Protein backbone atom coordinates (compact mmCIF):
# COMPACT_ATOMS: atom_id res chain seq x y z
CA MET A 1 119.67 110.27 81.40
CA ALA A 2 121.24 110.25 77.92
CA THR A 3 124.69 110.69 79.46
CA LEU A 4 124.25 107.54 81.55
CA SER A 5 123.35 105.65 78.38
CA LYS A 6 126.61 106.84 76.82
CA ALA A 7 128.54 105.27 79.71
CA TYR A 8 127.65 101.85 78.27
CA THR A 9 128.67 102.54 74.67
CA GLU A 10 132.26 101.46 75.37
CA THR A 11 131.13 97.99 76.49
CA PRO A 12 128.91 96.72 73.65
CA LEU A 13 127.38 93.27 74.00
CA HIS A 14 127.08 90.49 71.45
CA LEU A 15 123.53 89.76 70.34
CA GLN A 16 123.64 86.37 72.06
CA HIS A 17 123.99 88.30 75.34
CA ILE A 18 120.97 90.46 74.56
CA ILE A 19 118.18 88.29 73.13
CA PRO A 20 116.38 86.06 75.68
CA ILE A 21 115.17 82.62 74.63
CA ASP A 22 111.48 82.15 73.89
CA PHE A 23 110.48 80.86 77.33
CA ASP A 24 107.00 79.90 76.07
CA SER A 25 108.50 77.36 73.68
CA VAL A 26 110.73 75.42 76.08
CA LYS A 27 109.49 72.36 77.97
CA GLU A 28 112.70 71.63 79.86
CA VAL A 29 115.73 73.63 80.93
CA PRO A 30 118.12 73.73 77.95
CA GLN A 31 121.83 73.06 78.48
CA SER A 32 122.57 76.73 77.79
CA HIS A 33 120.52 77.65 80.88
CA SER A 34 121.41 74.70 83.12
CA TRP A 35 123.46 75.79 86.16
CA PRO A 36 125.23 73.43 88.58
CA GLN A 37 122.66 72.22 91.07
CA SER A 38 122.99 73.70 94.54
CA ASP A 39 122.55 71.68 97.70
CA ASP A 40 122.95 74.55 100.13
CA GLU A 41 120.41 74.80 102.93
CA SER A 42 119.18 78.24 101.92
CA THR A 43 118.19 77.03 98.45
CA ARG A 44 116.32 74.10 99.97
CA ARG A 45 114.47 76.56 102.21
CA MET A 46 113.47 78.53 99.12
CA PHE A 47 111.64 75.49 97.74
CA ASN A 48 110.28 74.28 101.08
CA LEU A 49 108.58 77.07 102.96
CA ASP A 50 108.18 75.17 106.23
CA GLY A 51 110.23 76.22 109.24
CA ASP A 52 111.75 79.44 110.50
CA HIS A 53 113.12 82.13 108.25
CA PHE A 54 115.37 85.07 108.83
CA SER A 55 113.33 88.25 108.51
CA ILE A 56 114.36 91.32 106.52
CA PRO A 57 113.33 94.36 108.62
CA ALA A 58 110.23 96.32 107.59
CA ILE A 59 110.34 100.03 108.41
CA ASP A 60 107.34 102.34 108.63
CA LEU A 61 108.59 105.59 107.11
CA ASP A 62 106.04 107.52 109.17
CA SER A 63 107.57 106.20 112.40
CA PRO A 64 109.58 108.68 114.52
CA ASP A 65 112.25 105.98 114.71
CA ALA A 66 112.44 105.47 110.93
CA ILE A 67 115.84 107.14 110.48
CA GLU A 68 117.49 105.14 113.25
CA MET A 69 115.89 101.89 112.07
CA ALA A 70 116.85 102.47 108.43
CA GLY A 71 120.41 103.40 109.37
CA HIS A 72 120.77 100.31 111.54
CA ALA A 73 119.44 98.09 108.74
CA CYS A 74 121.88 99.71 106.29
CA LYS A 75 124.79 99.07 108.62
CA ILE A 76 123.94 95.51 109.56
CA MET A 77 122.36 94.13 106.39
CA GLY A 78 122.34 96.61 103.52
CA ILE A 79 118.69 95.84 102.83
CA PHE A 80 115.26 96.53 104.34
CA GLN A 81 111.61 96.91 103.36
CA VAL A 82 109.56 100.09 103.70
CA THR A 83 105.88 100.76 104.27
CA ASN A 84 104.02 104.08 104.23
CA HIS A 85 106.39 105.03 101.41
CA GLY A 86 103.94 107.33 99.64
CA ILE A 87 103.67 105.35 96.39
CA PRO A 88 99.93 104.83 95.70
CA SER A 89 98.88 101.19 95.55
CA SER A 90 96.94 102.07 92.42
CA LEU A 91 100.17 103.11 90.69
CA LEU A 92 101.93 99.92 91.77
CA ARG A 93 99.06 97.93 90.25
CA GLU A 94 99.23 100.00 87.06
CA VAL A 95 102.98 99.45 86.68
CA GLU A 96 102.55 95.75 87.26
CA SER A 97 99.68 95.60 84.77
CA GLN A 98 101.69 97.36 82.06
CA ALA A 99 104.69 95.11 82.74
CA TRP A 100 102.49 92.04 82.34
CA ARG A 101 101.10 93.57 79.16
CA PHE A 102 104.60 93.64 77.71
CA PHE A 103 106.00 90.34 78.99
CA THR A 104 102.97 88.28 77.95
CA LEU A 105 103.47 89.33 74.31
CA PRO A 106 104.88 86.73 71.88
CA ALA A 107 108.68 86.76 71.62
CA ARG A 108 108.51 88.15 68.08
CA ALA A 109 106.68 91.22 69.42
CA LYS A 110 108.96 91.80 72.41
CA VAL A 111 112.14 91.82 70.30
CA LYS A 112 110.79 94.89 68.50
CA ALA A 113 111.95 96.73 71.64
CA LEU A 114 115.33 94.97 71.67
CA ARG A 115 118.22 96.80 73.30
CA SER A 116 121.02 97.68 70.87
CA PRO A 117 124.47 96.07 71.47
CA SER A 118 125.88 99.35 72.79
CA GLY A 119 122.64 100.57 74.35
CA ALA A 120 121.38 100.67 77.93
CA THR A 121 117.61 100.74 77.34
CA GLY A 122 115.11 98.37 75.83
CA TYR A 123 114.30 94.66 76.00
CA GLY A 124 116.87 91.94 76.64
CA VAL A 125 118.74 89.83 79.15
CA ALA A 126 120.56 91.31 82.15
CA ARG A 127 123.78 93.17 81.32
CA ILE A 128 125.69 90.90 83.72
CA ALA A 129 125.06 87.90 81.42
CA PRO A 130 128.52 87.89 79.70
CA PHE A 131 130.25 87.28 83.04
CA PHE A 132 128.68 83.84 83.45
CA ASN A 133 129.02 80.59 81.51
CA LYS A 134 125.29 79.90 81.56
CA PHE A 135 122.32 82.06 80.65
CA MET A 136 119.78 83.19 83.23
CA TRP A 137 116.05 82.48 83.45
CA HIS A 138 115.21 86.13 83.02
CA GLU A 139 114.10 88.80 80.58
CA GLY A 140 113.99 92.53 81.23
CA PHE A 141 112.97 95.91 79.88
CA THR A 142 115.15 98.86 80.91
CA MET A 143 114.21 102.53 80.57
CA MET A 144 115.80 105.84 81.52
CA GLY A 145 113.09 108.45 81.34
CA SER A 146 110.45 107.97 78.67
CA PRO A 147 110.26 104.50 77.04
CA LEU A 148 108.58 106.08 74.01
CA GLU A 149 111.21 104.99 71.48
CA HIS A 150 110.81 101.30 72.25
CA ALA A 151 107.14 101.28 73.26
CA ARG A 152 106.11 102.80 69.93
CA GLU A 153 107.83 99.93 68.11
CA VAL A 154 105.83 97.40 70.10
CA TRP A 155 102.47 99.19 70.11
CA PRO A 156 102.36 101.70 67.20
CA HIS A 157 98.89 102.87 68.23
CA GLY A 158 98.74 101.87 71.89
CA TYR A 159 101.96 103.04 73.52
CA ARG A 160 100.72 106.13 75.37
CA LYS A 161 99.33 104.40 78.46
CA PHE A 162 102.51 102.35 78.92
CA CYS A 163 104.67 105.49 78.67
CA GLU A 164 102.48 107.56 80.99
CA VAL A 165 102.51 104.93 83.72
CA MET A 166 106.26 104.33 83.52
CA GLU A 167 107.08 108.04 83.53
CA ASP A 168 104.78 108.69 86.50
CA TYR A 169 106.33 105.79 88.40
CA GLN A 170 109.87 107.05 87.75
CA ASP A 171 108.94 110.54 89.00
CA LYS A 172 107.58 109.14 92.25
CA MET A 173 110.49 106.73 92.67
CA LYS A 174 112.94 109.61 92.32
CA ALA A 175 111.19 111.51 95.11
CA LEU A 176 111.19 108.41 97.33
CA SER A 177 114.88 107.80 96.58
CA GLU A 178 115.73 111.35 97.62
CA ARG A 179 113.76 110.88 100.84
CA LEU A 180 115.51 107.61 101.67
CA LEU A 181 118.96 108.95 100.86
CA ALA A 182 118.35 112.03 103.03
CA MET A 183 117.38 109.71 105.93
CA ILE A 184 120.49 107.60 105.47
CA LEU A 185 122.77 110.65 105.34
CA LYS A 186 121.14 112.07 108.45
CA TYR A 187 121.82 108.79 110.26
CA LEU A 188 125.48 109.18 109.27
CA GLY A 189 125.53 112.76 110.53
CA ILE A 190 126.31 114.06 107.04
CA SER A 191 125.01 117.45 105.93
CA GLU A 192 123.72 118.25 102.45
CA HIS A 193 126.77 120.48 101.91
CA ASP A 194 129.12 117.53 102.41
CA ILE A 195 127.92 115.87 99.20
CA ASP A 196 126.66 118.77 97.04
CA TRP A 197 123.07 117.66 97.59
CA PRO A 198 121.37 120.21 95.29
CA ARG A 199 123.36 119.04 92.24
CA LEU A 200 122.89 115.38 93.13
CA ARG A 201 119.12 115.84 93.32
CA SER A 202 118.72 117.90 90.16
CA ASN A 203 120.93 115.76 87.91
CA ALA A 204 120.61 112.30 89.45
CA CYS A 205 121.04 109.26 87.22
CA ALA A 206 118.31 106.68 87.37
CA ALA A 207 116.99 103.65 85.53
CA LEU A 208 113.80 101.63 85.72
CA GLN A 209 114.00 97.90 85.08
CA LEU A 210 111.02 95.62 84.52
CA ASN A 211 112.03 92.04 85.34
CA SER A 212 110.30 88.86 84.21
CA TYR A 213 111.15 85.40 85.56
CA PRO A 214 108.89 82.95 83.68
CA ARG A 215 107.83 79.64 85.17
CA CYS A 216 110.73 77.21 85.01
CA PRO A 217 110.41 73.43 84.38
CA ASP A 218 113.13 72.70 86.95
CA PRO A 219 114.18 75.67 89.14
CA ARG A 220 116.94 73.63 90.76
CA GLN A 221 118.80 73.63 87.46
CA ALA A 222 118.24 77.30 86.63
CA MET A 223 119.26 80.73 87.90
CA GLY A 224 116.88 83.67 87.61
CA LEU A 225 119.57 86.27 88.23
CA ALA A 226 123.14 85.36 89.17
CA PRO A 227 124.77 86.74 92.35
CA HIS A 228 125.82 90.38 92.02
CA THR A 229 125.72 93.77 93.69
CA ASP A 230 123.99 96.82 92.25
CA THR A 231 126.11 99.67 90.91
CA PHE A 232 124.40 102.84 92.13
CA LEU A 233 123.45 104.30 95.53
CA LEU A 234 120.30 102.33 96.17
CA THR A 235 117.69 100.17 94.47
CA ILE A 236 113.97 100.22 95.24
CA LEU A 237 112.22 97.00 94.26
CA HIS A 238 108.52 96.27 93.89
CA GLN A 239 107.89 92.52 94.06
CA ASN A 240 104.81 90.74 92.80
CA HIS A 241 103.44 89.45 96.11
CA SER A 242 102.23 86.18 94.54
CA ALA A 243 105.74 84.85 93.85
CA HIS A 244 109.03 84.91 95.72
CA GLY A 245 112.58 84.25 94.53
CA LEU A 246 114.86 87.06 95.73
CA GLN A 247 117.71 86.00 98.04
CA VAL A 248 120.42 88.06 99.72
CA HIS A 249 123.71 86.73 101.01
CA MET A 250 124.28 87.30 104.72
CA GLU A 251 127.59 86.57 106.40
CA GLY A 252 127.23 83.57 108.66
CA ARG A 253 123.78 82.69 107.34
CA GLY A 254 124.30 82.11 103.63
CA TRP A 255 121.46 82.87 101.22
CA VAL A 256 118.41 84.39 102.89
CA PRO A 257 115.04 84.67 101.10
CA VAL A 258 113.36 88.08 100.90
CA PHE A 259 109.67 87.25 100.87
CA PRO A 260 107.26 89.79 99.36
CA MET A 261 105.33 91.83 101.88
CA ASN A 262 102.06 93.21 100.57
CA GLY A 263 102.31 96.97 100.06
CA ALA A 264 106.00 97.14 100.99
CA LEU A 265 108.97 98.02 98.81
CA VAL A 266 112.42 96.47 99.15
CA VAL A 267 115.39 98.85 99.45
CA ASN A 268 118.91 97.52 98.94
CA LEU A 269 122.17 99.43 98.95
CA GLY A 270 124.56 99.48 96.02
CA ASP A 271 128.29 99.92 95.47
CA MET A 272 128.26 103.72 95.45
CA LEU A 273 126.72 104.03 98.90
CA HIS A 274 129.19 101.41 100.11
CA ILE A 275 131.98 103.65 98.79
CA MET A 276 130.53 106.91 100.11
CA SER A 277 129.99 105.40 103.56
CA ASN A 278 133.64 104.29 103.55
CA ALA A 279 132.51 100.65 103.76
CA MET A 280 130.30 101.30 106.80
CA PHE A 281 127.32 100.09 104.76
CA PRO A 282 127.57 96.86 102.74
CA SER A 283 126.65 96.61 99.08
CA VAL A 284 124.35 93.63 99.36
CA VAL A 285 124.99 90.57 97.20
CA HIS A 286 121.74 89.15 95.86
CA ARG A 287 120.38 86.63 93.39
CA VAL A 288 117.03 85.35 92.12
CA ILE A 289 115.79 81.76 92.04
CA PRO A 290 112.99 81.04 89.50
CA SER A 291 109.75 79.23 90.31
CA GLU A 292 108.15 76.16 88.77
CA LYS A 293 104.62 77.26 89.67
CA ARG A 294 104.51 81.02 89.16
CA HIS A 295 105.73 83.61 86.71
CA ARG A 296 107.51 86.21 88.85
CA LEU A 297 107.51 89.91 88.05
CA THR A 298 109.49 92.69 89.74
CA VAL A 299 110.07 96.38 89.06
CA GLY A 300 113.44 97.81 90.10
CA TYR A 301 114.40 101.49 90.29
CA PHE A 302 118.13 102.27 90.42
CA TYR A 303 119.14 105.66 91.80
CA GLY A 304 122.58 107.26 91.59
CA PRO A 305 124.49 110.56 91.34
CA PRO A 306 125.12 112.50 88.10
CA THR A 307 127.63 110.87 85.75
CA ASP A 308 130.29 113.56 86.37
CA PHE A 309 129.84 113.33 90.17
CA HIS A 310 132.95 112.12 92.03
CA VAL A 311 132.09 109.17 94.25
CA GLY A 312 134.41 108.61 97.18
CA PRO A 313 134.26 108.32 100.97
CA ILE A 314 132.39 111.33 102.36
CA HIS A 315 134.80 113.78 103.99
CA GLY A 316 132.78 113.89 107.20
CA LEU A 317 133.41 110.17 107.70
CA THR A 318 137.17 110.30 107.15
CA GLN A 319 138.25 113.65 108.62
CA SER A 320 139.41 112.14 111.89
CA SER A 321 143.19 111.70 112.19
CA GLY A 322 142.67 108.19 113.53
CA ARG A 323 143.98 105.43 111.28
CA GLU A 324 140.69 103.57 111.39
CA ASP A 325 139.01 106.53 109.67
CA ALA A 326 141.34 106.64 106.65
CA ALA A 327 139.60 106.52 103.28
CA ARG A 328 139.23 102.98 102.00
CA PHE A 329 138.50 103.93 98.38
CA ARG A 330 139.87 106.45 95.94
CA SER A 331 137.45 108.87 94.35
CA VAL A 332 136.10 108.06 90.89
CA THR A 333 133.45 109.61 88.64
CA VAL A 334 130.12 107.85 88.32
CA LYS A 335 130.69 107.40 84.58
CA ASP A 336 134.08 105.78 85.16
CA TYR A 337 132.73 103.45 87.82
CA VAL A 338 129.78 102.43 85.65
CA GLN A 339 132.25 101.50 82.91
CA MET A 340 134.47 99.63 85.39
CA LYS A 341 131.48 97.62 86.59
CA ALA A 342 130.33 96.93 83.01
CA LYS A 343 133.79 95.55 82.17
CA ASN A 344 134.73 93.87 85.46
CA LEU A 345 131.53 93.25 87.47
CA ASP A 346 132.48 92.07 91.00
CA LYS A 347 136.13 93.14 90.61
CA ALA A 348 135.20 96.82 90.15
CA LEU A 349 135.24 97.69 93.87
CA SER A 350 138.69 96.18 94.35
CA MET A 351 140.01 98.38 91.52
CA ILE A 352 139.39 101.54 93.56
CA ARG A 353 140.02 100.10 97.02
CA ILE A 354 142.98 101.68 98.83
CA ARG A 355 143.10 99.31 101.75
């Protein structure tokens, strides 16, 4: 975990790209957070829930068809929801409760956990903020392993419960990530030996991100989280079922809302699985639209290989002599790709693309 943190030290951020505004003190969207208004149909659907909506597939992991269904969803969309995932509902409630406990603190208390300019953990805005001219309607708390260092600053005598819940959640998310990745690899016909599975499992990189999207005076002017793809293999997202806002971009359909499904978790694929699948699976572009009526909370778990792991198209997918099977990306270490993404965002994939 510490090694992943070091991958961000070469891309320090200015404090203005770390400290969120005090959302409790604003009565209208400030110019610094005012994005060009969108008139696309998908955004209008987000604010008007009448009519038909494209459905993100929900997969029962206990189903005998789960592998085939998950693989198909990966190939067609790069995103799906899962039920019977093995994460106790009581733990999901606990994580949500502790997240609310933090985000409902006054701004002066939250900044005690502020992420350092060259750090990867702690409180602050999304790391993608410097790539955009406007700030986002978002605040987050990132952790890699125990959040003790930051939690103790916020609650000198009441940090233990927060740490216990977050550590337990990360342990269970890691196990679920391994299960999902094994299913996806099986769909591809890839064996554990093809990707050095034991080392990937034992030294995997992961991060937990608590996301807060406070109520917004005018959501049409604001952006909760700007369009982007995730860096690692996959992301598992717990959404507060009382508020929606996540959208994914689908070719031919534009922005499609991903409505919360009670008890389900959202799984979306990131750049590294796109690379390893030799572009068979898309790295899904997504964004978040804030709400005027509800404060939205999500908990995202990002799962990836060890930092010294070489990410490239899996040999089993490119070993055919046919031209169509040629590798589309050159191999790169996880650490190097993380740094490329931190410096170049959406241009990172093109930097390692061969054809």
